[in-house]
Structure formats: C-alpha cells, structure tokens
Amino acid sequence: MKRFLILSLALLTIMWVAGCGKKKQPVVETPPPVEQPKQPEPTKPEPTPEPEVKKVTESDFRIVYFDFDKYNLVDSAKRALDYNAQILKDNPSLMIRIEGHCDERGTIEYNLSLGEKRAASAKKYLADLGIDPGRLQTISYGKERPAVAGSNEAAWAKNRRDEFKIISQ
C-alpha cells in the first residue's frame, strides 16, 4: 500500500506540476465583426429630358396681307407678325426671307417697288419686336408669283401679301 500511496502522490504531483506549468490564457471572445452601414451606391442623376424641339416649317409662319396699293400694316397684319416673331424668338438660329408680293394690277416696276416696301415694313416691325434684322432678308417678286389665279377682288386680296421662307435653321 505504501507503493500505491507513493504512486498516487507521484501521479498527483505530476498532474499538479503539469497543470501549474502552463499559464492559463484568458478566454477572449472576439466580438462579431461590426457591420458597416451600407453606403448608398452613387446614383447617376437622371438626365433631364431635352425640350422637344419642333422643326419649324414655312407653313408655321402666318402670311401678312395688305390693302390695295398699300404697304402699311393693319391690325391683322400686326397680329400675324407678332405670331411670326414668337417663332423667331423661340428659334434663335432661324433665318428667314420675307417675300413681298402684289396683285396683277400696275406695272412690273411699280409692283416690284411696292413688294419691296411691303417686305421692308414687315422686317422693320419684327426688328422693333426684338428680332435681329441680320436674321431677316427681304425680296420683292412684285406680281410675278401670284398665290391665286384670277382677275377679281378675292384673288387680288390673296396676292397682296408677304410670305416667310426659311433660309437656314
């Protein structure tokens, strides 16, 4: 039994020495990784839609009509020119030609002169409304290009006019 006791003591001593020889490391729990708040993905700004650009045509312009043997602008002619001026303001690169026309009565020379005065009065009115005169050309066709055939007051009234033609956009 003495042997058993010595053996037990020796075994306990070995176990105690083995246990004491190691320094116990404190148990450190690693915290779970901190989740970084998600940064919102950079958003591309939505493109602003381009304003719808309507291509201007000559038919968008209003015709200016004149009384017999006159080049002064009556109220209806001024309203037509006000409308045409807005088209020109909305389209600053637009250049036009104002074509003066007359009815068939009168000489070629007289009607060419009258047509030029009609085109010039429309140009001056548009310039007074703020349209750059450099964007406006004038020409007279006199009685050479009637809008309506006929030798009566209804046809003549349609032929005394200024028309607007697009030179460039």
N, C-alpha and C. Protein backbone atom coordinates (compact mmCIF):
# COMPACT_ATOMS: atom_id res chain seq x y z
N MET A 1 0.81 -1.13 0.00
CA MET A 1 0.00 0.00 0.00
C MET A 1 0.88 1.24 0.00
N LYS A 2 1.96 1.12 0.55
CA LYS A 2 2.89 2.19 0.54
C LYS A 2 3.23 2.54 -0.92
N ARG A 3 3.38 1.56 -1.70
CA ARG A 3 3.67 1.79 -3.10
C ARG A 3 2.51 2.49 -3.79
N PHE A 4 1.35 2.09 -3.40
CA PHE A 4 0.17 2.67 -4.01
C PHE A 4 0.07 4.13 -3.62
N LEU A 5 0.35 4.42 -2.40
CA LEU A 5 0.29 5.78 -1.90
C LEU A 5 1.36 6.63 -2.59
N ILE A 6 2.56 6.11 -2.72
CA ILE A 6 3.64 6.85 -3.36
C ILE A 6 3.28 7.06 -4.84
N LEU A 7 2.79 6.05 -5.42
CA LEU A 7 2.43 6.15 -6.83
C LEU A 7 1.32 7.16 -7.01
N SER A 8 0.35 7.18 -6.13
CA SER A 8 -0.76 8.13 -6.22
C SER A 8 -0.24 9.54 -6.00
N LEU A 9 0.66 9.71 -5.00
CA LEU A 9 1.23 11.02 -4.75
C LEU A 9 2.05 11.49 -5.95
N ALA A 10 2.83 10.57 -6.50
CA ALA A 10 3.64 10.94 -7.66
C ALA A 10 2.75 11.35 -8.81
N LEU A 11 1.69 10.65 -9.01
CA LEU A 11 0.77 10.94 -10.10
C LEU A 11 0.09 12.30 -9.88
N LEU A 12 -0.31 12.54 -8.63
CA LEU A 12 -0.95 13.82 -8.31
C LEU A 12 0.05 14.96 -8.49
N THR A 13 1.30 14.75 -8.11
CA THR A 13 2.32 15.77 -8.24
C THR A 13 2.56 16.07 -9.71
N ILE A 14 2.64 15.03 -10.51
CA ILE A 14 2.88 15.23 -11.95
C ILE A 14 1.71 16.01 -12.56
N MET A 15 0.52 15.67 -12.14
CA MET A 15 -0.65 16.34 -12.69
C MET A 15 -0.68 17.80 -12.24
N TRP A 16 -0.28 18.00 -10.97
CA TRP A 16 -0.29 19.35 -10.45
C TRP A 16 0.76 20.18 -11.13
N VAL A 17 1.96 19.62 -11.34
CA VAL A 17 3.05 20.33 -11.99
C VAL A 17 2.66 20.59 -13.45
N ALA A 18 2.07 19.62 -14.07
CA ALA A 18 1.69 19.80 -15.47
C ALA A 18 0.65 20.89 -15.58
N GLY A 19 -0.25 20.93 -14.63
CA GLY A 19 -1.30 21.94 -14.67
C GLY A 19 -0.79 23.30 -14.30
N CYS A 20 0.15 23.42 -13.38
CA CYS A 20 0.66 24.71 -12.95
C CYS A 20 1.67 25.26 -13.92
N GLY A 21 2.31 24.44 -14.69
CA GLY A 21 3.36 24.89 -15.59
C GLY A 21 2.81 25.78 -16.70
N LYS A 22 1.63 25.62 -17.04
CA LYS A 22 1.06 26.42 -18.12
C LYS A 22 0.27 27.56 -17.53
N LYS A 23 0.52 28.69 -18.04
CA LYS A 23 -0.23 29.84 -17.61
C LYS A 23 -1.53 29.83 -18.40
N LYS A 24 -2.59 29.98 -17.67
CA LYS A 24 -3.87 29.93 -18.34
C LYS A 24 -4.07 31.23 -19.12
N GLN A 25 -4.40 31.10 -20.32
CA GLN A 25 -4.71 32.25 -21.16
C GLN A 25 -6.17 32.63 -20.92
N PRO A 26 -6.40 33.92 -20.71
CA PRO A 26 -7.80 34.30 -20.53
C PRO A 26 -8.56 34.06 -21.84
N VAL A 27 -9.75 33.63 -21.68
CA VAL A 27 -10.59 33.38 -22.85
C VAL A 27 -11.15 34.73 -23.31
N VAL A 28 -10.74 35.10 -24.46
CA VAL A 28 -11.22 36.36 -25.01
C VAL A 28 -12.14 36.02 -26.17
N GLU A 29 -13.35 36.44 -25.99
CA GLU A 29 -14.27 36.19 -27.09
C GLU A 29 -14.11 37.33 -28.08
N THR A 30 -13.92 36.99 -29.33
CA THR A 30 -13.82 38.03 -30.34
C THR A 30 -15.24 38.45 -30.71
N PRO A 31 -15.45 39.74 -30.63
CA PRO A 31 -16.80 40.18 -30.96
C PRO A 31 -17.06 39.95 -32.45
N PRO A 32 -18.31 39.80 -32.78
CA PRO A 32 -18.61 39.61 -34.22
C PRO A 32 -18.21 40.90 -34.96
N PRO A 33 -17.83 40.76 -36.21
CA PRO A 33 -17.42 41.95 -36.94
C PRO A 33 -18.57 42.97 -36.99
N VAL A 34 -18.18 44.22 -36.78
CA VAL A 34 -19.18 45.28 -36.81
C VAL A 34 -19.57 45.51 -38.27
N GLU A 35 -20.84 45.42 -38.49
CA GLU A 35 -21.31 45.60 -39.85
C GLU A 35 -21.33 47.08 -40.18
N GLN A 36 -20.58 47.45 -41.19
CA GLN A 36 -20.56 48.84 -41.61
C GLN A 36 -21.90 49.16 -42.29
N PRO A 37 -22.44 50.32 -41.97
CA PRO A 37 -23.69 50.65 -42.66
C PRO A 37 -23.41 50.74 -44.16
N LYS A 38 -24.33 50.23 -44.91
CA LYS A 38 -24.14 50.22 -46.35
C LYS A 38 -24.24 51.64 -46.87
N GLN A 39 -23.22 51.99 -47.62
CA GLN A 39 -23.24 53.30 -48.27
C GLN A 39 -24.14 53.17 -49.49
N PRO A 40 -25.01 54.13 -49.66
CA PRO A 40 -25.84 54.01 -50.86
C PRO A 40 -24.94 54.14 -52.09
N GLU A 41 -25.27 53.35 -53.07
CA GLU A 41 -24.49 53.41 -54.29
C GLU A 41 -24.70 54.78 -54.91
N PRO A 42 -23.62 55.33 -55.42
CA PRO A 42 -23.80 56.65 -56.03
C PRO A 42 -24.80 56.53 -57.18
N THR A 43 -25.76 57.42 -57.14
CA THR A 43 -26.77 57.37 -58.19
C THR A 43 -26.40 58.37 -59.27
N LYS A 44 -26.63 57.94 -60.45
CA LYS A 44 -26.40 58.83 -61.57
C LYS A 44 -27.62 59.73 -61.67
N PRO A 45 -27.38 61.01 -61.77
CA PRO A 45 -28.55 61.88 -61.89
C PRO A 45 -29.29 61.54 -63.17
N GLU A 46 -30.60 61.53 -63.05
CA GLU A 46 -31.38 61.23 -64.23
C GLU A 46 -31.22 62.37 -65.21
N PRO A 47 -30.96 62.02 -66.44
CA PRO A 47 -30.78 63.10 -67.41
C PRO A 47 -32.08 63.88 -67.56
N THR A 48 -31.93 65.18 -67.59
CA THR A 48 -33.12 65.98 -67.79
C THR A 48 -33.49 65.87 -69.26
N PRO A 49 -34.73 65.59 -69.51
CA PRO A 49 -35.10 65.41 -70.91
C PRO A 49 -34.93 66.72 -71.68
N GLU A 50 -34.41 66.58 -72.85
CA GLU A 50 -34.25 67.75 -73.71
C GLU A 50 -35.64 68.23 -74.10
N PRO A 51 -35.81 69.54 -74.14
CA PRO A 51 -37.11 70.00 -74.58
C PRO A 51 -37.35 69.55 -76.01
N GLU A 52 -38.55 69.16 -76.23
CA GLU A 52 -38.87 68.67 -77.55
C GLU A 52 -38.76 69.83 -78.54
N VAL A 53 -37.89 69.65 -79.49
CA VAL A 53 -37.67 70.71 -80.46
C VAL A 53 -38.46 70.36 -81.71
N LYS A 54 -39.39 71.22 -82.00
CA LYS A 54 -40.20 71.02 -83.19
C LYS A 54 -39.51 71.75 -84.33
N LYS A 55 -39.29 71.05 -85.39
CA LYS A 55 -38.66 71.66 -86.55
C LYS A 55 -39.67 72.62 -87.16
N VAL A 56 -39.22 73.84 -87.35
CA VAL A 56 -40.08 74.87 -87.92
C VAL A 56 -40.15 74.68 -89.43
N THR A 57 -41.35 74.79 -89.95
CA THR A 57 -41.53 74.75 -91.41
C THR A 57 -42.13 76.07 -91.85
N GLU A 58 -42.06 76.32 -93.13
CA GLU A 58 -42.61 77.57 -93.66
C GLU A 58 -44.10 77.69 -93.43
N SER A 59 -44.78 76.56 -93.37
CA SER A 59 -46.23 76.61 -93.14
C SER A 59 -46.56 77.04 -91.70
N ASP A 60 -45.57 77.06 -90.81
CA ASP A 60 -45.80 77.54 -89.45
C ASP A 60 -45.96 79.06 -89.41
N PHE A 61 -45.41 79.74 -90.38
CA PHE A 61 -45.49 81.20 -90.42
C PHE A 61 -46.82 81.65 -91.00
N ARG A 62 -47.29 82.76 -90.47
CA ARG A 62 -48.54 83.34 -90.99
C ARG A 62 -48.21 84.31 -92.11
N ILE A 63 -49.10 84.34 -93.08
CA ILE A 63 -48.96 85.26 -94.21
C ILE A 63 -49.51 86.62 -93.78
N VAL A 64 -48.86 87.66 -94.20
CA VAL A 64 -49.28 89.03 -93.90
C VAL A 64 -49.95 89.59 -95.17
N TYR A 65 -51.18 90.07 -95.02
CA TYR A 65 -51.92 90.61 -96.16
C TYR A 65 -52.00 92.13 -96.09
N PHE A 66 -52.08 92.76 -97.27
CA PHE A 66 -52.09 94.22 -97.38
C PHE A 66 -53.32 94.70 -98.15
N ASP A 67 -53.67 95.94 -97.89
CA ASP A 67 -54.73 96.58 -98.66
C ASP A 67 -54.19 96.96 -100.03
N PHE A 68 -55.10 97.26 -100.95
CA PHE A 68 -54.74 97.65 -102.32
C PHE A 68 -53.84 98.88 -102.30
N ASP A 69 -52.72 98.77 -102.99
CA ASP A 69 -51.78 99.87 -103.21
C ASP A 69 -51.19 100.40 -101.90
N LYS A 70 -51.11 99.55 -100.85
CA LYS A 70 -50.61 99.98 -99.54
C LYS A 70 -49.49 99.04 -99.08
N TYR A 71 -48.66 99.56 -98.19
CA TYR A 71 -47.65 98.73 -97.54
C TYR A 71 -47.65 98.93 -96.03
N ASN A 72 -48.61 99.75 -95.53
CA ASN A 72 -48.72 99.92 -94.08
C ASN A 72 -49.34 98.66 -93.47
N LEU A 73 -49.05 98.43 -92.20
CA LEU A 73 -49.51 97.22 -91.52
C LEU A 73 -50.83 97.49 -90.78
N VAL A 74 -51.88 96.79 -91.19
CA VAL A 74 -53.15 96.89 -90.48
C VAL A 74 -53.09 95.95 -89.28
N ASP A 75 -54.10 96.01 -88.42
CA ASP A 75 -54.08 95.21 -87.18
C ASP A 75 -53.92 93.72 -87.43
N SER A 76 -54.61 93.19 -88.43
CA SER A 76 -54.49 91.75 -88.71
C SER A 76 -53.06 91.40 -89.15
N ALA A 77 -52.41 92.31 -89.88
CA ALA A 77 -51.03 92.08 -90.29
C ALA A 77 -50.09 92.09 -89.09
N LYS A 78 -50.35 93.00 -88.16
CA LYS A 78 -49.52 93.07 -86.95
C LYS A 78 -49.68 91.81 -86.09
N ARG A 79 -50.90 91.30 -86.01
CA ARG A 79 -51.12 90.05 -85.24
C ARG A 79 -50.36 88.89 -85.88
N ALA A 80 -50.39 88.82 -87.21
CA ALA A 80 -49.65 87.76 -87.91
C ALA A 80 -48.15 87.91 -87.66
N LEU A 81 -47.66 89.14 -87.68
CA LEU A 81 -46.23 89.37 -87.43
C LEU A 81 -45.86 89.10 -85.98
N ASP A 82 -46.75 89.41 -85.04
CA ASP A 82 -46.49 89.08 -83.63
C ASP A 82 -46.31 87.57 -83.47
N TYR A 83 -47.17 86.82 -84.14
CA TYR A 83 -47.10 85.36 -84.11
C TYR A 83 -45.76 84.89 -84.71
N ASN A 84 -45.42 85.43 -85.87
CA ASN A 84 -44.17 85.05 -86.53
C ASN A 84 -42.95 85.43 -85.70
N ALA A 85 -43.03 86.57 -85.01
CA ALA A 85 -41.92 87.00 -84.15
C ALA A 85 -41.69 85.99 -83.03
N GLN A 86 -42.76 85.43 -82.48
CA GLN A 86 -42.60 84.43 -81.42
C GLN A 86 -41.88 83.19 -81.93
N ILE A 87 -42.20 82.77 -83.13
CA ILE A 87 -41.49 81.63 -83.73
C ILE A 87 -39.99 81.95 -83.83
N LEU A 88 -39.70 83.16 -84.27
CA LEU A 88 -38.29 83.55 -84.42
C LEU A 88 -37.60 83.65 -83.06
N LYS A 89 -38.30 84.13 -82.05
CA LYS A 89 -37.70 84.20 -80.70
C LYS A 89 -37.46 82.82 -80.14
N ASP A 90 -38.35 81.89 -80.42
CA ASP A 90 -38.21 80.52 -79.92
C ASP A 90 -37.14 79.74 -80.68
N ASN A 91 -36.74 80.23 -81.82
CA ASN A 91 -35.76 79.55 -82.67
C ASN A 91 -34.68 80.55 -83.09
N PRO A 92 -33.76 80.87 -82.16
CA PRO A 92 -32.81 81.96 -82.41
C PRO A 92 -31.83 81.73 -83.55
N SER A 93 -31.71 80.52 -84.04
CA SER A 93 -30.80 80.31 -85.17
C SER A 93 -31.52 80.38 -86.51
N LEU A 94 -32.81 80.55 -86.47
CA LEU A 94 -33.62 80.59 -87.69
C LEU A 94 -33.40 81.89 -88.44
N MET A 95 -33.16 81.77 -89.74
CA MET A 95 -33.04 82.94 -90.61
C MET A 95 -34.12 82.82 -91.68
N ILE A 96 -34.77 83.95 -91.96
CA ILE A 96 -35.87 83.90 -92.93
C ILE A 96 -35.71 84.98 -93.99
N ARG A 97 -36.45 84.75 -95.07
CA ARG A 97 -36.57 85.74 -96.14
C ARG A 97 -38.03 86.15 -96.20
N ILE A 98 -38.26 87.45 -96.17
CA ILE A 98 -39.61 87.99 -96.28
C ILE A 98 -39.82 88.35 -97.74
N GLU A 99 -40.80 87.71 -98.36
CA GLU A 99 -41.06 87.92 -99.78
C GLU A 99 -42.29 88.80 -99.95
N GLY A 100 -42.10 89.96 -100.59
CA GLY A 100 -43.21 90.88 -100.85
C GLY A 100 -43.86 90.58 -102.19
N HIS A 101 -45.20 90.53 -102.19
CA HIS A 101 -45.96 90.21 -103.41
C HIS A 101 -47.06 91.25 -103.63
N CYS A 102 -47.50 91.36 -104.87
CA CYS A 102 -48.56 92.29 -105.25
C CYS A 102 -49.57 91.57 -106.14
N ASP A 103 -50.72 92.22 -106.34
CA ASP A 103 -51.67 91.66 -107.29
C ASP A 103 -51.25 92.07 -108.70
N GLU A 104 -52.01 91.65 -109.68
CA GLU A 104 -51.61 91.83 -111.08
C GLU A 104 -51.77 93.24 -111.61
N ARG A 105 -52.43 94.09 -110.88
CA ARG A 105 -52.64 95.45 -111.37
C ARG A 105 -51.39 96.28 -111.17
N GLY A 106 -51.10 97.16 -112.09
CA GLY A 106 -49.91 98.01 -112.01
C GLY A 106 -48.79 97.48 -112.89
N THR A 107 -47.79 98.31 -113.08
CA THR A 107 -46.65 97.90 -113.92
C THR A 107 -45.72 96.97 -113.14
N ILE A 108 -44.86 96.33 -113.88
CA ILE A 108 -43.87 95.45 -113.26
C ILE A 108 -43.01 96.24 -112.29
N GLU A 109 -42.51 97.40 -112.74
CA GLU A 109 -41.62 98.22 -111.91
C GLU A 109 -42.34 98.70 -110.65
N TYR A 110 -43.58 99.17 -110.83
CA TYR A 110 -44.33 99.68 -109.68
C TYR A 110 -44.56 98.57 -108.65
N ASN A 111 -44.94 97.40 -109.11
CA ASN A 111 -45.23 96.29 -108.20
C ASN A 111 -43.97 95.75 -107.54
N LEU A 112 -42.84 95.77 -108.23
CA LEU A 112 -41.58 95.37 -107.58
C LEU A 112 -41.24 96.32 -106.45
N SER A 113 -41.44 97.61 -106.68
CA SER A 113 -41.18 98.60 -105.64
C SER A 113 -42.16 98.44 -104.47
N LEU A 114 -43.43 98.26 -104.77
CA LEU A 114 -44.44 98.09 -103.72
C LEU A 114 -44.18 96.80 -102.92
N GLY A 115 -43.81 95.74 -103.58
CA GLY A 115 -43.50 94.48 -102.90
C GLY A 115 -42.31 94.64 -101.96
N GLU A 116 -41.32 95.40 -102.39
CA GLU A 116 -40.15 95.65 -101.53
C GLU A 116 -40.54 96.46 -100.31
N LYS A 117 -41.40 97.45 -100.48
CA LYS A 117 -41.86 98.26 -99.34
C LYS A 117 -42.68 97.40 -98.36
N ARG A 118 -43.47 96.47 -98.87
CA ARG A 118 -44.24 95.57 -98.01
C ARG A 118 -43.31 94.68 -97.20
N ALA A 119 -42.32 94.11 -97.85
CA ALA A 119 -41.36 93.25 -97.14
C ALA A 119 -40.57 94.05 -96.11
N ALA A 120 -40.19 95.28 -96.48
CA ALA A 120 -39.42 96.13 -95.56
C ALA A 120 -40.25 96.53 -94.35
N SER A 121 -41.55 96.79 -94.53
CA SER A 121 -42.38 97.16 -93.38
C SER A 121 -42.52 95.99 -92.40
N ALA A 122 -42.61 94.77 -92.93
CA ALA A 122 -42.67 93.59 -92.05
C ALA A 122 -41.34 93.40 -91.31
N LYS A 123 -40.24 93.61 -92.02
CA LYS A 123 -38.91 93.47 -91.40
C LYS A 123 -38.73 94.48 -90.28
N LYS A 124 -39.12 95.72 -90.52
CA LYS A 124 -38.99 96.77 -89.50
C LYS A 124 -39.84 96.44 -88.28
N TYR A 125 -41.05 95.96 -88.51
CA TYR A 125 -41.93 95.63 -87.39
C TYR A 125 -41.31 94.50 -86.54
N LEU A 126 -40.78 93.47 -87.21
CA LEU A 126 -40.14 92.36 -86.48
C LEU A 126 -38.91 92.85 -85.72
N ALA A 127 -38.15 93.73 -86.33
CA ALA A 127 -36.96 94.28 -85.65
C ALA A 127 -37.39 95.08 -84.43
N ASP A 128 -38.48 95.83 -84.55
CA ASP A 128 -38.98 96.59 -83.41
C ASP A 128 -39.44 95.67 -82.27
N LEU A 129 -39.79 94.44 -82.61
CA LEU A 129 -40.18 93.45 -81.60
C LEU A 129 -38.97 92.73 -81.00
N GLY A 130 -37.76 93.08 -81.45
CA GLY A 130 -36.56 92.49 -80.87
C GLY A 130 -35.89 91.42 -81.71
N ILE A 131 -36.36 91.20 -82.92
CA ILE A 131 -35.72 90.22 -83.80
C ILE A 131 -34.53 90.89 -84.48
N ASP A 132 -33.39 90.24 -84.43
CA ASP A 132 -32.17 90.76 -85.05
C ASP A 132 -32.40 90.92 -86.55
N PRO A 133 -32.29 92.13 -87.08
CA PRO A 133 -32.50 92.33 -88.52
C PRO A 133 -31.54 91.52 -89.39
N GLY A 134 -30.40 91.13 -88.83
CA GLY A 134 -29.47 90.29 -89.58
C GLY A 134 -30.02 88.91 -89.88
N ARG A 135 -31.07 88.53 -89.20
CA ARG A 135 -31.71 87.22 -89.45
C ARG A 135 -32.82 87.32 -90.49
N LEU A 136 -33.07 88.54 -90.97
CA LEU A 136 -34.20 88.79 -91.87
C LEU A 136 -33.71 89.35 -93.20
N GLN A 137 -34.04 88.69 -94.28
CA GLN A 137 -33.74 89.21 -95.62
C GLN A 137 -35.07 89.58 -96.28
N THR A 138 -35.02 90.45 -97.23
CA THR A 138 -36.23 90.81 -97.96
C THR A 138 -35.99 90.68 -99.46
N ILE A 139 -37.09 90.42 -100.16
CA ILE A 139 -37.06 90.38 -101.62
C ILE A 139 -38.47 90.72 -102.10
N SER A 140 -38.56 91.28 -103.30
CA SER A 140 -39.86 91.55 -103.89
C SER A 140 -40.01 90.73 -105.16
N TYR A 141 -41.16 90.09 -105.28
CA TYR A 141 -41.49 89.39 -106.52
C TYR A 141 -42.57 90.15 -107.30
N GLY A 142 -42.98 91.29 -106.77
CA GLY A 142 -44.00 92.08 -107.46
C GLY A 142 -45.22 91.23 -107.74
N LYS A 143 -45.62 91.23 -109.03
CA LYS A 143 -46.82 90.46 -109.40
C LYS A 143 -46.46 89.14 -110.08
N GLU A 144 -45.18 88.76 -110.04
CA GLU A 144 -44.70 87.60 -110.79
C GLU A 144 -45.09 86.24 -110.20
N ARG A 145 -45.44 86.18 -108.92
CA ARG A 145 -45.75 84.88 -108.28
C ARG A 145 -47.08 84.98 -107.53
N PRO A 146 -48.18 85.01 -108.27
CA PRO A 146 -49.47 85.11 -107.59
C PRO A 146 -49.78 83.83 -106.79
N ALA A 147 -50.43 84.00 -105.64
CA ALA A 147 -50.85 82.85 -104.84
C ALA A 147 -52.11 82.23 -105.41
N VAL A 148 -52.95 83.10 -106.01
CA VAL A 148 -54.23 82.67 -106.55
C VAL A 148 -54.38 83.25 -107.94
N ALA A 149 -54.80 82.42 -108.88
CA ALA A 149 -55.06 82.92 -110.23
C ALA A 149 -56.43 83.58 -110.25
N GLY A 150 -56.55 84.61 -111.05
CA GLY A 150 -57.85 85.27 -111.18
C GLY A 150 -57.70 86.76 -111.26
N SER A 151 -58.69 87.36 -111.86
CA SER A 151 -58.70 88.81 -112.01
C SER A 151 -59.95 89.37 -111.35
N ASN A 152 -60.05 89.13 -110.05
CA ASN A 152 -61.18 89.65 -109.28
C ASN A 152 -60.69 90.02 -107.89
N GLU A 153 -61.52 90.70 -107.13
CA GLU A 153 -61.09 91.22 -105.82
C GLU A 153 -60.65 90.10 -104.87
N ALA A 154 -61.32 88.95 -104.88
CA ALA A 154 -60.95 87.85 -103.99
C ALA A 154 -59.54 87.35 -104.31
N ALA A 155 -59.20 87.19 -105.58
CA ALA A 155 -57.86 86.74 -105.97
C ALA A 155 -56.84 87.82 -105.67
N TRP A 156 -57.15 89.05 -105.99
CA TRP A 156 -56.21 90.14 -105.74
C TRP A 156 -55.88 90.27 -104.25
N ALA A 157 -56.89 90.12 -103.39
CA ALA A 157 -56.67 90.24 -101.94
C ALA A 157 -55.69 89.17 -101.44
N LYS A 158 -55.76 87.97 -102.01
CA LYS A 158 -54.84 86.89 -101.60
C LYS A 158 -53.42 87.10 -102.14
N ASN A 159 -53.30 87.86 -103.20
CA ASN A 159 -51.99 88.06 -103.84
C ASN A 159 -51.22 89.23 -103.24
N ARG A 160 -51.88 90.14 -102.53
CA ARG A 160 -51.19 91.28 -101.88
C ARG A 160 -50.72 90.79 -100.52
N ARG A 161 -49.45 90.33 -100.45
CA ARG A 161 -49.03 89.62 -99.23
C ARG A 161 -47.53 89.65 -99.05
N ASP A 162 -47.11 89.28 -97.82
CA ASP A 162 -45.73 88.92 -97.50
C ASP A 162 -45.75 87.47 -97.09
N GLU A 163 -44.85 86.71 -97.65
CA GLU A 163 -44.67 85.32 -97.23
C GLU A 163 -43.30 85.18 -96.57
N PHE A 164 -43.14 84.15 -95.74
CA PHE A 164 -41.91 83.95 -94.98
C PHE A 164 -41.31 82.61 -95.37
N LYS A 165 -40.08 82.66 -95.85
CA LYS A 165 -39.36 81.46 -96.28
C LYS A 165 -38.14 81.26 -95.40
N ILE A 166 -37.88 80.03 -95.07
CA ILE A 166 -36.74 79.70 -94.22
C ILE A 166 -35.47 79.64 -95.06
N ILE A 167 -34.46 80.39 -94.63
CA ILE A 167 -33.16 80.36 -95.30
C ILE A 167 -32.28 79.31 -94.63
N SER A 168 -32.26 79.33 -93.30
CA SER A 168 -31.47 78.32 -92.57
C SER A 168 -32.03 78.18 -91.15
N GLN A 169 -31.74 77.02 -90.58
CA GLN A 169 -32.22 76.75 -89.20
C GLN A 169 -31.06 76.52 -88.29
